[in-house]
Amino acid sequence: MTKADLVAKVANKAGMTKANAESALNAFIDSVEEVLSSNGKLTLTGFGTFEVQERQERTGRNPRTGEEIKIPASKVVKFRPGKLLKDAVN
């Protein structure tokens, strides 16, 4: 599913125009980004938890040459689904 498909589905379910649905979806995405960059954790009860975690610097291998390379430390976003989402999928 693409973002356009999601916008159409939200617009249909909420009874709003696609433009309003896209605006709402963009506002939601921006809000999630802001919360994760400042707070590091966002919990949507029943849906799941988004959390920023630190990845340590590590050594990897270039698959083409076999040469060892250093992979720098970084931050990644992890998602843990909530019970209601797990139940809906299963």
Protein backbone atom coordinates (compact mmCIF):
# COMPACT_ATOMS: atom_id res chain seq x y z
CA MET A 1 0.00 0.00 0.00
CA THR A 2 1.30 3.42 -0.89
CA LYS A 3 0.75 6.73 0.88
CA ALA A 4 -1.82 7.69 -1.79
CA ASP A 5 -3.72 4.44 -1.14
CA LEU A 6 -3.68 5.14 2.59
CA VAL A 7 -4.92 8.70 2.06
CA ALA A 8 -7.81 7.39 -0.07
CA LYS A 9 -8.71 4.78 2.55
CA VAL A 10 -8.63 7.32 5.41
CA ALA A 11 -10.72 9.77 3.37
CA ASN A 12 -13.29 7.07 2.66
CA LYS A 13 -13.51 5.84 6.28
CA ALA A 14 -13.61 9.33 7.81
CA GLY A 15 -15.98 10.77 5.20
CA MET A 16 -13.61 13.59 4.24
CA THR A 17 -11.91 14.77 1.09
CA LYS A 18 -8.61 13.27 -0.01
CA ALA A 19 -6.97 16.68 0.46
CA ASN A 20 -8.12 16.86 4.09
CA ALA A 21 -7.09 13.25 4.69
CA GLU A 22 -3.64 13.91 3.23
CA SER A 23 -3.27 17.02 5.37
CA ALA A 24 -4.24 15.03 8.49
CA LEU A 25 -1.86 12.19 7.61
CA ASN A 26 1.02 14.63 6.99
CA ALA A 27 0.29 16.36 10.33
CA PHE A 28 0.33 12.96 12.07
CA ILE A 29 3.66 12.00 10.47
CA ASP A 30 5.22 15.37 11.35
CA SER A 31 3.99 15.06 14.94
CA VAL A 32 5.44 11.55 15.29
CA GLU A 33 8.81 12.80 13.96
CA GLU A 34 8.83 15.72 16.42
CA VAL A 35 7.96 13.53 19.40
CA LEU A 36 10.57 10.90 18.53
CA SER A 37 13.32 13.49 18.00
CA SER A 38 12.62 15.29 21.27
CA ASN A 39 11.24 12.60 23.58
CA GLY A 40 12.46 9.36 22.00
CA LYS A 41 9.27 7.40 22.67
CA LEU A 42 5.65 7.49 21.50
CA THR A 43 3.00 5.09 22.78
CA LEU A 44 -0.34 4.75 21.01
CA THR A 45 -2.35 2.53 23.34
CA GLY A 46 -3.64 -0.55 21.55
CA PHE A 47 -1.66 0.22 18.40
CA GLY A 48 1.96 0.09 19.53
CA THR A 49 5.08 1.92 20.67
CA PHE A 50 7.64 3.77 18.56
CA GLU A 51 11.00 4.13 20.31
CA VAL A 52 14.38 5.56 19.33
CA GLN A 53 17.32 3.31 20.20
CA GLU A 54 21.06 3.82 19.86
CA ARG A 55 23.11 1.48 17.71
CA GLN A 56 26.75 1.07 18.71
CA GLU A 57 29.58 1.47 16.22
CA ARG A 58 30.44 -1.94 14.85
CA THR A 59 32.66 -3.72 12.38
CA GLY A 60 31.13 -5.10 9.20
CA ARG A 61 32.36 -6.56 5.94
CA ASN A 62 32.11 -5.30 2.40
CA PRO A 63 30.35 -8.25 0.70
CA ARG A 64 32.08 -7.56 -2.61
CA THR A 65 35.68 -7.41 -1.38
CA GLY A 66 35.50 -9.04 2.05
CA GLU A 67 37.28 -5.98 3.47
CA GLU A 68 36.42 -4.99 7.06
CA ILE A 69 34.68 -1.63 7.41
CA LYS A 70 33.53 0.41 10.38
CA ILE A 71 29.80 1.04 10.55
CA PRO A 72 29.25 4.26 12.53
CA ALA A 73 26.95 4.53 15.54
CA SER A 74 23.43 5.66 14.69
CA LYS A 75 19.93 6.04 16.03
CA VAL A 76 17.14 3.81 14.75
CA VAL A 77 13.39 3.78 15.30
CA LYS A 78 11.95 0.52 16.59
CA PHE A 79 8.24 -0.35 16.61
CA ARG A 80 6.61 -2.77 19.03
CA PRO A 81 3.00 -3.58 18.10
CA GLY A 82 0.32 -3.45 20.80
CA LYS A 83 -2.00 -6.28 21.74
CA LEU A 84 -4.99 -4.96 19.77
CA LEU A 85 -2.90 -4.63 16.59
CA LYS A 86 -1.43 -8.12 17.05
CA ASP A 87 -4.90 -9.58 17.57
CA ALA A 88 -6.27 -7.77 14.49
CA VAL A 89 -3.45 -9.08 12.29
CA ASN A 90 -3.71 -12.64 13.58
